[in-house]
Amino acid sequence: MRIKLILASLLLASCSGISTPLLSPYKMDIRQGNYVTPEMREKLKIGMTKQQVRYVLGTPMLADTFHGNRWDYPYRLEQRGEIVEKQQLTLYFDGDNLARVEDSGKAVADMPAMAVEQPVVEPPVAKVDPAAEALASVQAWAAAWSAKNARDYLAAYTSDYAPKGMSREKWEKQRVDRISRPKTIEVVLTEFAVAMPDDAHATVSFKQGYRSDAYRDEVQKTLALVKQEGRWLIADEQLGRAAQADKPVSTGNAEEKVQAAVAQWSEAWAARDVESYLASYADTFKPVGMSRAKWEAQRKERIGRAQSIEVKVNELKVVLRDDTHASATFKQDYRSDAYRDSTRKTLKLEKIGDAWLIVGEQAAK
């Protein structure tokens, strides 16, 4: 018994020399405020409207109701209880336009100014400028879109407007669904160019910035307008700038039109313009292995998820089977921020009305 007591005493003495490490609580990273990236700062320009600034930087974290001419974008990153990054961007407005920018309390001296394109203000004349009227109609169309007012949006189109790849009825239902589904929509138009072949016809080109709670993109768009019963209405729309009015547009042969249809399809894909991309497919197109609705949802999700997309079409060969059927075979190089591949692809196209639309596609490595 005495021996057991001695051994127990020795064991307790040896344990008393072991130090127990102190445990500190885990502290997670904390981000607060609006993080403004260098790319977002590059897009910021003196003279932008509040709507354009909000489109570039997002809604400010701090905006004083009584001092609406000041917006603050603070940001801080805290790691293990210590502040490792801090930003304080302050914007001052003169009316609705950005006047100056301060970074951490210091004025940003090299902030570029925005080139404002607007009609020259002249003394009132008896005759209204048709170009200004057409431009105002386009701006009202964008305002109705931003306000999620589907009725006024659709009213901006002529009664005989023919959407590509679908019936007018199906197009209207699609537009109502896409306008009503997002919680918020913001459409900003800049860099206008107006051409007037005559007093009743106009083409308006511009850069369109679209932003909703689920999707955003920026594309170049051209609207063809006609004046009917005193109103300028949209008769056609397309991606890219319109051809100059004083240059005749070549109709081209069928092969050239098929090549143009393939180019428009790839450009819409690269521009992340889901609407124009899907409009390149005919109503009769049947995807392999899934329903048309599921395929469209999948394409919207994949195109909308990518931050950037690049699509290159090389070695294009067009074979015309007859006046209304053709196939286009080419090498497709695809690249996004998350994925890239190179495939051989064949598109089967059919002439429906005046448009060549995709009715089938096959891909092979």
Protein backbone atom coordinates (compact mmCIF):
# COMPACT_ATOMS: atom_id res chain seq x y z
CA MET A 1 0.00 0.00 0.00
CA ARG A 2 2.86 2.33 0.88
CA ILE A 3 4.46 1.67 -2.51
CA LYS A 4 1.19 2.58 -4.31
CA LEU A 5 0.98 5.90 -2.45
CA ILE A 6 4.57 6.77 -3.44
CA LEU A 7 3.90 5.97 -7.12
CA ALA A 8 0.73 8.09 -7.11
CA SER A 9 2.63 11.05 -5.60
CA LEU A 10 5.33 10.79 -8.28
CA LEU A 11 2.70 10.68 -11.03
CA LEU A 12 0.94 13.81 -9.73
CA ALA A 13 4.26 15.64 -9.46
CA SER A 14 5.17 14.83 -13.08
CA CYS A 15 1.74 16.03 -14.35
CA SER A 16 2.08 19.36 -12.54
CA GLY A 17 4.99 20.28 -14.84
CA ILE A 18 2.84 20.07 -18.01
CA SER A 19 1.62 23.51 -19.14
CA THR A 20 -1.87 23.80 -20.58
CA PRO A 21 -2.02 26.04 -23.70
CA LEU A 22 -4.45 28.94 -23.53
CA LEU A 23 -7.32 28.75 -26.03
CA SER A 24 -8.41 31.98 -27.71
CA PRO A 25 -11.89 32.33 -29.32
CA TYR A 26 -12.10 32.20 -33.15
CA LYS A 27 -12.80 35.55 -34.73
CA MET A 28 -14.36 35.48 -38.21
CA ASP A 29 -13.63 37.98 -40.98
CA ILE A 30 -16.08 40.89 -40.97
CA ARG A 31 -16.84 42.94 -44.10
CA GLN A 32 -18.94 46.05 -43.80
CA GLY A 33 -20.07 48.61 -46.36
CA ASN A 34 -19.77 48.99 -50.14
CA TYR A 35 -16.57 47.56 -51.63
CA VAL A 36 -15.64 49.60 -54.72
CA THR A 37 -13.28 47.75 -57.08
CA PRO A 38 -10.71 49.53 -59.31
CA GLU A 39 -12.80 48.54 -62.36
CA MET A 40 -15.88 50.26 -60.87
CA ARG A 41 -13.84 53.42 -60.15
CA GLU A 42 -12.62 53.56 -63.76
CA LYS A 43 -16.24 53.72 -64.97
CA LEU A 44 -17.07 56.63 -62.65
CA LYS A 45 -17.07 60.01 -64.44
CA ILE A 46 -17.85 63.59 -63.50
CA GLY A 47 -21.22 64.60 -64.93
CA MET A 48 -22.91 61.21 -64.51
CA THR A 49 -26.51 61.29 -63.31
CA LYS A 50 -27.46 59.69 -60.01
CA GLN A 51 -29.09 56.83 -61.89
CA GLN A 52 -25.87 56.17 -63.85
CA VAL A 53 -23.74 56.32 -60.68
CA ARG A 54 -26.06 53.86 -58.93
CA TYR A 55 -25.77 51.54 -61.93
CA VAL A 56 -21.92 51.59 -61.69
CA LEU A 57 -21.37 51.57 -57.90
CA GLY A 58 -24.69 50.30 -56.53
CA THR A 59 -26.84 51.97 -53.88
CA PRO A 60 -24.78 54.01 -51.38
CA MET A 61 -24.61 52.71 -47.85
CA LEU A 62 -25.02 56.24 -46.45
CA ALA A 63 -27.29 58.87 -48.02
CA ASP A 64 -28.53 61.76 -45.89
CA THR A 65 -32.18 62.59 -46.58
CA PHE A 66 -31.51 66.24 -45.75
CA HIS A 67 -28.32 66.41 -47.84
CA GLY A 68 -29.20 64.53 -51.00
CA ASN A 69 -26.18 65.95 -52.81
CA ARG A 70 -23.82 63.65 -50.85
CA TRP A 71 -23.45 59.87 -51.15
CA ASP A 72 -21.01 57.83 -49.03
CA TYR A 73 -19.56 54.43 -49.89
CA PRO A 74 -17.65 53.27 -46.74
CA TYR A 75 -16.01 49.86 -46.52
CA ARG A 76 -13.89 48.03 -43.96
CA LEU A 77 -12.45 44.51 -43.69
CA GLU A 78 -11.71 43.18 -40.19
CA GLN A 79 -9.63 40.04 -39.70
CA ARG A 80 -9.01 38.54 -36.23
CA GLY A 81 -10.28 41.69 -34.61
CA GLU A 82 -7.97 44.03 -36.58
CA ILE A 83 -8.89 46.33 -39.48
CA VAL A 84 -6.76 45.29 -42.49
CA GLU A 85 -8.51 47.28 -45.25
CA LYS A 86 -10.56 50.46 -45.20
CA GLN A 87 -12.17 52.62 -47.91
CA GLN A 88 -14.14 55.83 -47.73
CA LEU A 89 -15.45 57.10 -51.07
CA THR A 90 -17.63 60.22 -50.92
CA LEU A 91 -19.54 61.60 -53.92
CA TYR A 92 -20.97 65.11 -54.21
CA PHE A 93 -23.68 66.04 -56.72
CA ASP A 94 -24.75 69.33 -58.25
CA GLY A 95 -28.44 68.72 -58.78
CA ASP A 96 -28.65 65.33 -60.50
CA ASN A 97 -25.06 65.28 -61.81
CA LEU A 98 -21.85 64.13 -60.14
CA ALA A 99 -19.69 67.17 -59.34
CA ARG A 100 -16.69 65.84 -57.37
CA VAL A 101 -15.32 62.75 -55.65
CA GLU A 102 -13.35 62.40 -52.42
CA ASP A 103 -11.27 59.37 -51.44
CA SER A 104 -10.69 59.13 -47.66
CA GLY A 105 -11.35 62.86 -47.31
CA LYS A 106 -9.04 63.92 -50.18
CA ALA A 107 -10.41 65.22 -53.48
CA VAL A 108 -9.74 63.03 -56.54
CA ALA A 109 -8.17 65.50 -58.96
CA ASP A 110 -7.80 63.27 -62.05
CA MET A 111 -11.43 62.12 -62.22
CA PRO A 112 -12.44 62.05 -65.95
CA ALA A 113 -15.48 63.97 -67.12
CA MET A 114 -18.36 62.37 -68.96
CA ALA A 115 -18.99 63.45 -72.53
CA VAL A 116 -22.63 64.45 -72.41
CA GLU A 117 -24.46 63.99 -75.68
CA GLN A 118 -27.62 66.00 -75.82
CA PRO A 119 -29.41 68.17 -78.37
CA VAL A 120 -28.16 71.74 -78.66
CA VAL A 121 -30.58 74.11 -76.94
CA GLU A 122 -31.82 76.67 -79.43
CA PRO A 123 -34.53 79.33 -79.34
CA PRO A 124 -38.01 77.82 -79.83
CA VAL A 125 -39.02 77.40 -83.44
CA ALA A 126 -42.35 76.58 -84.97
CA LYS A 127 -41.25 73.17 -86.27
CA VAL A 128 -40.35 70.45 -83.73
CA ASP A 129 -37.03 68.65 -84.38
CA PRO A 130 -37.97 65.09 -85.51
CA ALA A 131 -34.62 63.71 -84.24
CA ALA A 132 -35.28 65.09 -80.75
CA GLU A 133 -38.79 63.60 -80.81
CA ALA A 134 -37.46 60.17 -81.83
CA LEU A 135 -34.79 60.33 -79.13
CA ALA A 136 -37.38 61.28 -76.50
CA SER A 137 -39.51 58.28 -77.50
CA VAL A 138 -36.54 55.93 -77.02
CA GLN A 139 -35.85 57.42 -73.59
CA ALA A 140 -39.53 56.99 -72.64
CA TRP A 141 -39.32 53.33 -73.77
CA ALA A 142 -36.30 52.79 -71.48
CA ALA A 143 -38.06 54.59 -68.61
CA ALA A 144 -41.11 52.30 -68.92
CA TRP A 145 -38.80 49.28 -68.91
CA SER A 146 -37.03 50.54 -65.75
CA ALA A 147 -40.39 51.21 -64.09
CA LYS A 148 -41.49 47.63 -64.90
CA ASN A 149 -44.46 49.11 -66.78
CA ALA A 150 -45.07 46.36 -69.34
CA ARG A 151 -48.10 48.13 -70.84
CA ASP A 152 -46.20 51.31 -71.80
CA TYR A 153 -43.17 49.25 -72.82
CA LEU A 154 -45.18 47.21 -75.35
CA ALA A 155 -47.04 50.35 -76.49
CA ALA A 156 -43.70 51.70 -77.74
CA TYR A 157 -43.75 49.14 -80.62
CA THR A 158 -45.72 49.33 -83.87
CA SER A 159 -48.72 47.02 -84.26
CA ASP A 160 -46.92 45.18 -87.09
CA TYR A 161 -43.61 44.78 -85.23
CA ALA A 162 -42.40 41.24 -85.98
CA PRO A 163 -40.03 39.71 -83.40
CA LYS A 164 -37.43 37.27 -84.70
CA GLY A 165 -37.97 33.59 -84.15
CA MET A 166 -41.44 33.72 -82.56
CA SER A 167 -44.96 35.02 -82.96
CA ARG A 168 -45.98 38.48 -81.75
CA GLU A 169 -48.30 36.92 -79.14
CA LYS A 170 -45.56 34.68 -77.72
CA TRP A 171 -43.07 37.57 -77.72
CA GLU A 172 -45.47 39.82 -75.77
CA LYS A 173 -46.07 37.11 -73.16
CA GLN A 174 -42.32 36.57 -72.87
CA ARG A 175 -41.66 40.31 -72.42
CA VAL A 176 -44.40 40.67 -69.76
CA ASP A 177 -42.93 37.70 -67.86
CA ARG A 178 -39.35 39.00 -68.03
CA ILE A 179 -40.36 42.51 -66.99
CA SER A 180 -42.60 41.45 -64.11
CA ARG A 181 -40.37 38.67 -62.70
CA PRO A 182 -37.40 40.75 -61.35
CA LYS A 183 -37.91 42.80 -58.20
CA THR A 184 -36.02 45.75 -59.72
CA ILE A 185 -34.93 46.75 -63.23
CA GLU A 186 -32.63 49.60 -64.22
CA VAL A 187 -31.99 50.50 -67.87
CA VAL A 188 -29.46 53.24 -68.64
CA LEU A 189 -28.92 54.49 -72.22
CA THR A 190 -25.80 56.44 -73.24
CA GLU A 191 -23.78 57.38 -76.36
CA PHE A 192 -26.76 58.17 -78.60
CA ALA A 193 -26.49 58.47 -82.37
CA VAL A 194 -29.58 59.47 -84.41
CA ALA A 195 -29.97 59.12 -88.19
CA MET A 196 -32.98 60.57 -90.07
CA PRO A 197 -33.57 59.22 -93.61
CA ASP A 198 -36.71 61.44 -93.67
CA ASP A 199 -39.15 63.09 -91.27
CA ALA A 200 -41.08 59.85 -90.71
CA HIS A 201 -38.23 57.36 -90.26
CA ALA A 202 -35.29 57.28 -87.82
CA THR A 203 -32.64 54.96 -86.45
CA VAL A 204 -31.35 55.50 -82.92
CA SER A 205 -28.17 53.71 -81.79
CA PHE A 206 -26.96 53.67 -78.19
CA LYS A 207 -25.18 51.73 -75.47
CA GLN A 208 -27.69 49.95 -73.25
CA GLY A 209 -26.84 49.08 -69.66
CA TYR A 210 -29.31 46.65 -68.10
CA ARG A 211 -29.36 45.69 -64.44
CA SER A 212 -31.83 43.69 -62.34
CA ASP A 213 -31.59 41.84 -59.04
CA ALA A 214 -30.65 38.65 -60.94
CA TYR A 215 -28.90 39.69 -64.17
CA ARG A 216 -26.89 42.51 -65.72
CA ASP A 217 -25.30 43.22 -69.10
CA GLU A 218 -24.20 46.01 -71.44
CA VAL A 219 -24.83 45.89 -75.20
CA GLN A 220 -24.88 48.13 -78.24
CA LYS A 221 -28.38 48.38 -79.71
CA THR A 222 -30.09 50.06 -82.67
CA LEU A 223 -33.83 50.79 -82.90
CA ALA A 224 -35.58 51.58 -86.18
CA LEU A 225 -38.54 53.92 -85.61
CA VAL A 226 -41.44 55.15 -87.74
CA LYS A 227 -43.78 58.04 -87.03
CA GLN A 228 -47.42 56.96 -86.92
CA GLU A 229 -50.26 59.30 -85.95
CA GLY A 230 -47.86 61.74 -84.34
CA ARG A 231 -45.97 59.11 -82.30
CA TRP A 232 -42.53 57.60 -82.86
CA LEU A 233 -42.83 53.79 -82.54
CA ILE A 234 -40.27 50.97 -82.71
CA ALA A 235 -40.52 49.00 -85.95
CA ASP A 236 -37.36 46.90 -85.53
CA GLU A 237 -34.48 46.40 -83.12
CA GLN A 238 -31.08 44.77 -83.43
CA LEU A 239 -27.71 44.52 -81.74
CA GLY A 240 -24.99 46.84 -83.09
CA ARG A 241 -25.10 50.20 -84.80
CA ALA A 242 -27.21 50.72 -87.92
CA ALA A 243 -25.61 51.12 -91.35
CA GLN A 244 -25.13 54.73 -92.47
CA ALA A 245 -28.27 56.10 -94.08
CA ASP A 246 -26.42 57.45 -97.14
CA LYS A 247 -24.94 54.02 -98.00
CA PRO A 248 -27.13 51.43 -99.72
CA VAL A 249 -27.38 48.17 -97.81
CA SER A 250 -26.52 45.13 -99.87
CA THR A 251 -29.08 42.37 -99.56
CA GLY A 252 -26.42 39.74 -100.33
CA ASN A 253 -27.04 36.16 -101.40
CA ALA A 254 -28.43 33.38 -99.25
CA GLU A 255 -24.98 32.14 -98.17
CA GLU A 256 -24.02 35.61 -96.91
CA LYS A 257 -27.28 35.87 -94.97
CA VAL A 258 -26.64 32.52 -93.29
CA GLN A 259 -23.13 33.70 -92.37
CA ALA A 260 -24.63 36.90 -90.94
CA ALA A 261 -27.15 34.88 -88.89
CA VAL A 262 -24.34 32.77 -87.39
CA ALA A 263 -22.35 35.91 -86.61
CA GLN A 264 -25.34 37.55 -84.90
CA TRP A 265 -25.93 34.39 -82.84
CA SER A 266 -22.29 34.26 -81.64
CA GLU A 267 -22.17 38.03 -80.97
CA ALA A 268 -25.33 37.87 -78.83
CA TRP A 269 -23.82 34.96 -76.90
CA ALA A 270 -20.54 36.85 -76.34
CA ALA A 271 -22.46 39.99 -75.29
CA ARG A 272 -24.45 37.90 -72.77
CA ASP A 273 -27.63 39.15 -74.46
CA VAL A 274 -29.83 36.16 -73.58
CA GLU A 275 -32.88 37.60 -75.31
CA SER A 276 -31.17 37.98 -78.71
CA TYR A 277 -29.33 34.67 -78.28
CA LEU A 278 -32.57 32.71 -77.77
CA ALA A 279 -34.26 34.66 -80.59
CA SER A 280 -31.70 33.07 -82.97
CA TYR A 281 -33.48 29.72 -82.50
CA ALA A 282 -36.72 28.81 -84.27
CA ASP A 283 -39.83 27.74 -82.37
CA THR A 284 -39.33 24.28 -83.89
CA PHE A 285 -35.84 23.86 -82.37
CA LYS A 286 -35.76 20.81 -80.09
CA PRO A 287 -32.76 20.46 -77.73
CA VAL A 288 -31.37 16.96 -77.19
CA GLY A 289 -32.19 15.26 -73.91
CA MET A 290 -34.47 17.90 -72.36
CA SER A 291 -37.55 20.01 -72.96
CA ARG A 292 -37.38 23.41 -74.68
CA ALA A 293 -38.40 25.18 -71.44
CA LYS A 294 -35.71 23.42 -69.39
CA TRP A 295 -33.10 24.13 -72.09
CA GLU A 296 -33.99 27.85 -72.16
CA ALA A 297 -33.76 28.03 -68.35
CA GLN A 298 -30.38 26.31 -68.47
CA ARG A 299 -29.03 28.69 -71.15
CA LYS A 300 -30.24 31.75 -69.20
CA GLU A 301 -28.58 30.48 -66.03
CA ARG A 302 -25.24 29.66 -67.69
CA ILE A 303 -25.02 32.87 -69.70
CA GLY A 304 -26.15 35.03 -66.79
CA ARG A 305 -23.74 33.38 -64.33
CA ALA A 306 -20.58 34.10 -66.37
CA GLN A 307 -18.88 37.44 -65.73
CA SER A 308 -17.45 37.51 -69.27
CA ILE A 309 -17.87 35.38 -72.41
CA GLU A 310 -15.84 35.20 -75.61
CA VAL A 311 -17.05 33.17 -78.61
CA LYS A 312 -14.95 32.88 -81.78
CA VAL A 313 -16.23 31.24 -84.97
CA ASN A 314 -13.51 30.08 -87.40
CA GLU A 315 -13.38 28.01 -90.59
CA LEU A 316 -17.07 28.66 -91.31
CA LYS A 317 -18.51 26.64 -94.21
CA VAL A 318 -22.11 27.10 -95.37
CA VAL A 319 -23.97 24.48 -97.43
CA LEU A 320 -27.31 25.46 -98.99
CA ARG A 321 -29.68 22.51 -99.46
CA ASP A 322 -32.35 24.71 -101.06
CA ASP A 323 -33.65 28.29 -100.82
CA THR A 324 -34.88 27.86 -97.24
CA HIS A 325 -32.58 25.24 -95.68
CA ALA A 326 -28.86 25.40 -94.92
CA SER A 327 -26.15 24.06 -92.63
CA ALA A 328 -23.20 25.97 -91.15
CA THR A 329 -20.13 24.05 -89.91
CA PHE A 330 -17.31 25.78 -88.03
CA LYS A 331 -14.72 25.60 -85.27
CA GLN A 332 -16.06 27.21 -82.08
CA ASP A 333 -13.66 28.57 -79.45
CA TYR A 334 -15.47 29.39 -76.20
CA ARG A 335 -13.95 31.15 -73.21
CA SER A 336 -15.45 32.53 -70.00
CA ASP A 337 -14.06 33.47 -66.60
CA ALA A 338 -14.68 29.91 -65.38
CA TYR A 339 -14.54 27.59 -68.42
CA ARG A 340 -13.07 27.26 -71.92
CA ASP A 341 -13.25 24.70 -74.74
CA SER A 342 -12.87 24.25 -78.49
CA THR A 343 -15.34 22.19 -80.53
CA ARG A 344 -16.52 21.52 -84.06
CA LYS A 345 -20.14 22.56 -84.39
CA THR A 346 -22.82 22.30 -87.08
CA LEU A 347 -25.93 24.46 -87.04
CA LYS A 348 -28.94 23.58 -89.17
CA LEU A 349 -30.83 26.71 -90.22
CA GLU A 350 -34.17 27.38 -91.87
CA LYS A 351 -35.38 30.58 -93.48
CA ILE A 352 -38.56 31.62 -91.66
CA GLY A 353 -39.95 34.85 -93.03
CA ASP A 354 -36.92 37.06 -93.69
CA ALA A 355 -34.73 35.51 -90.97
CA TRP A 356 -32.45 32.46 -90.96
CA LEU A 357 -33.09 30.68 -87.65
CA ILE A 358 -31.45 27.67 -85.97
CA VAL A 359 -33.57 24.49 -86.02
CA GLY A 360 -30.86 22.05 -84.92
CA GLU A 361 -27.26 21.92 -83.65
CA GLN A 362 -24.59 19.25 -83.21
CA ALA A 363 -21.23 19.51 -81.47
CA ALA A 364 -18.17 17.25 -81.55
CA LYS A 365 -14.72 17.58 -79.99
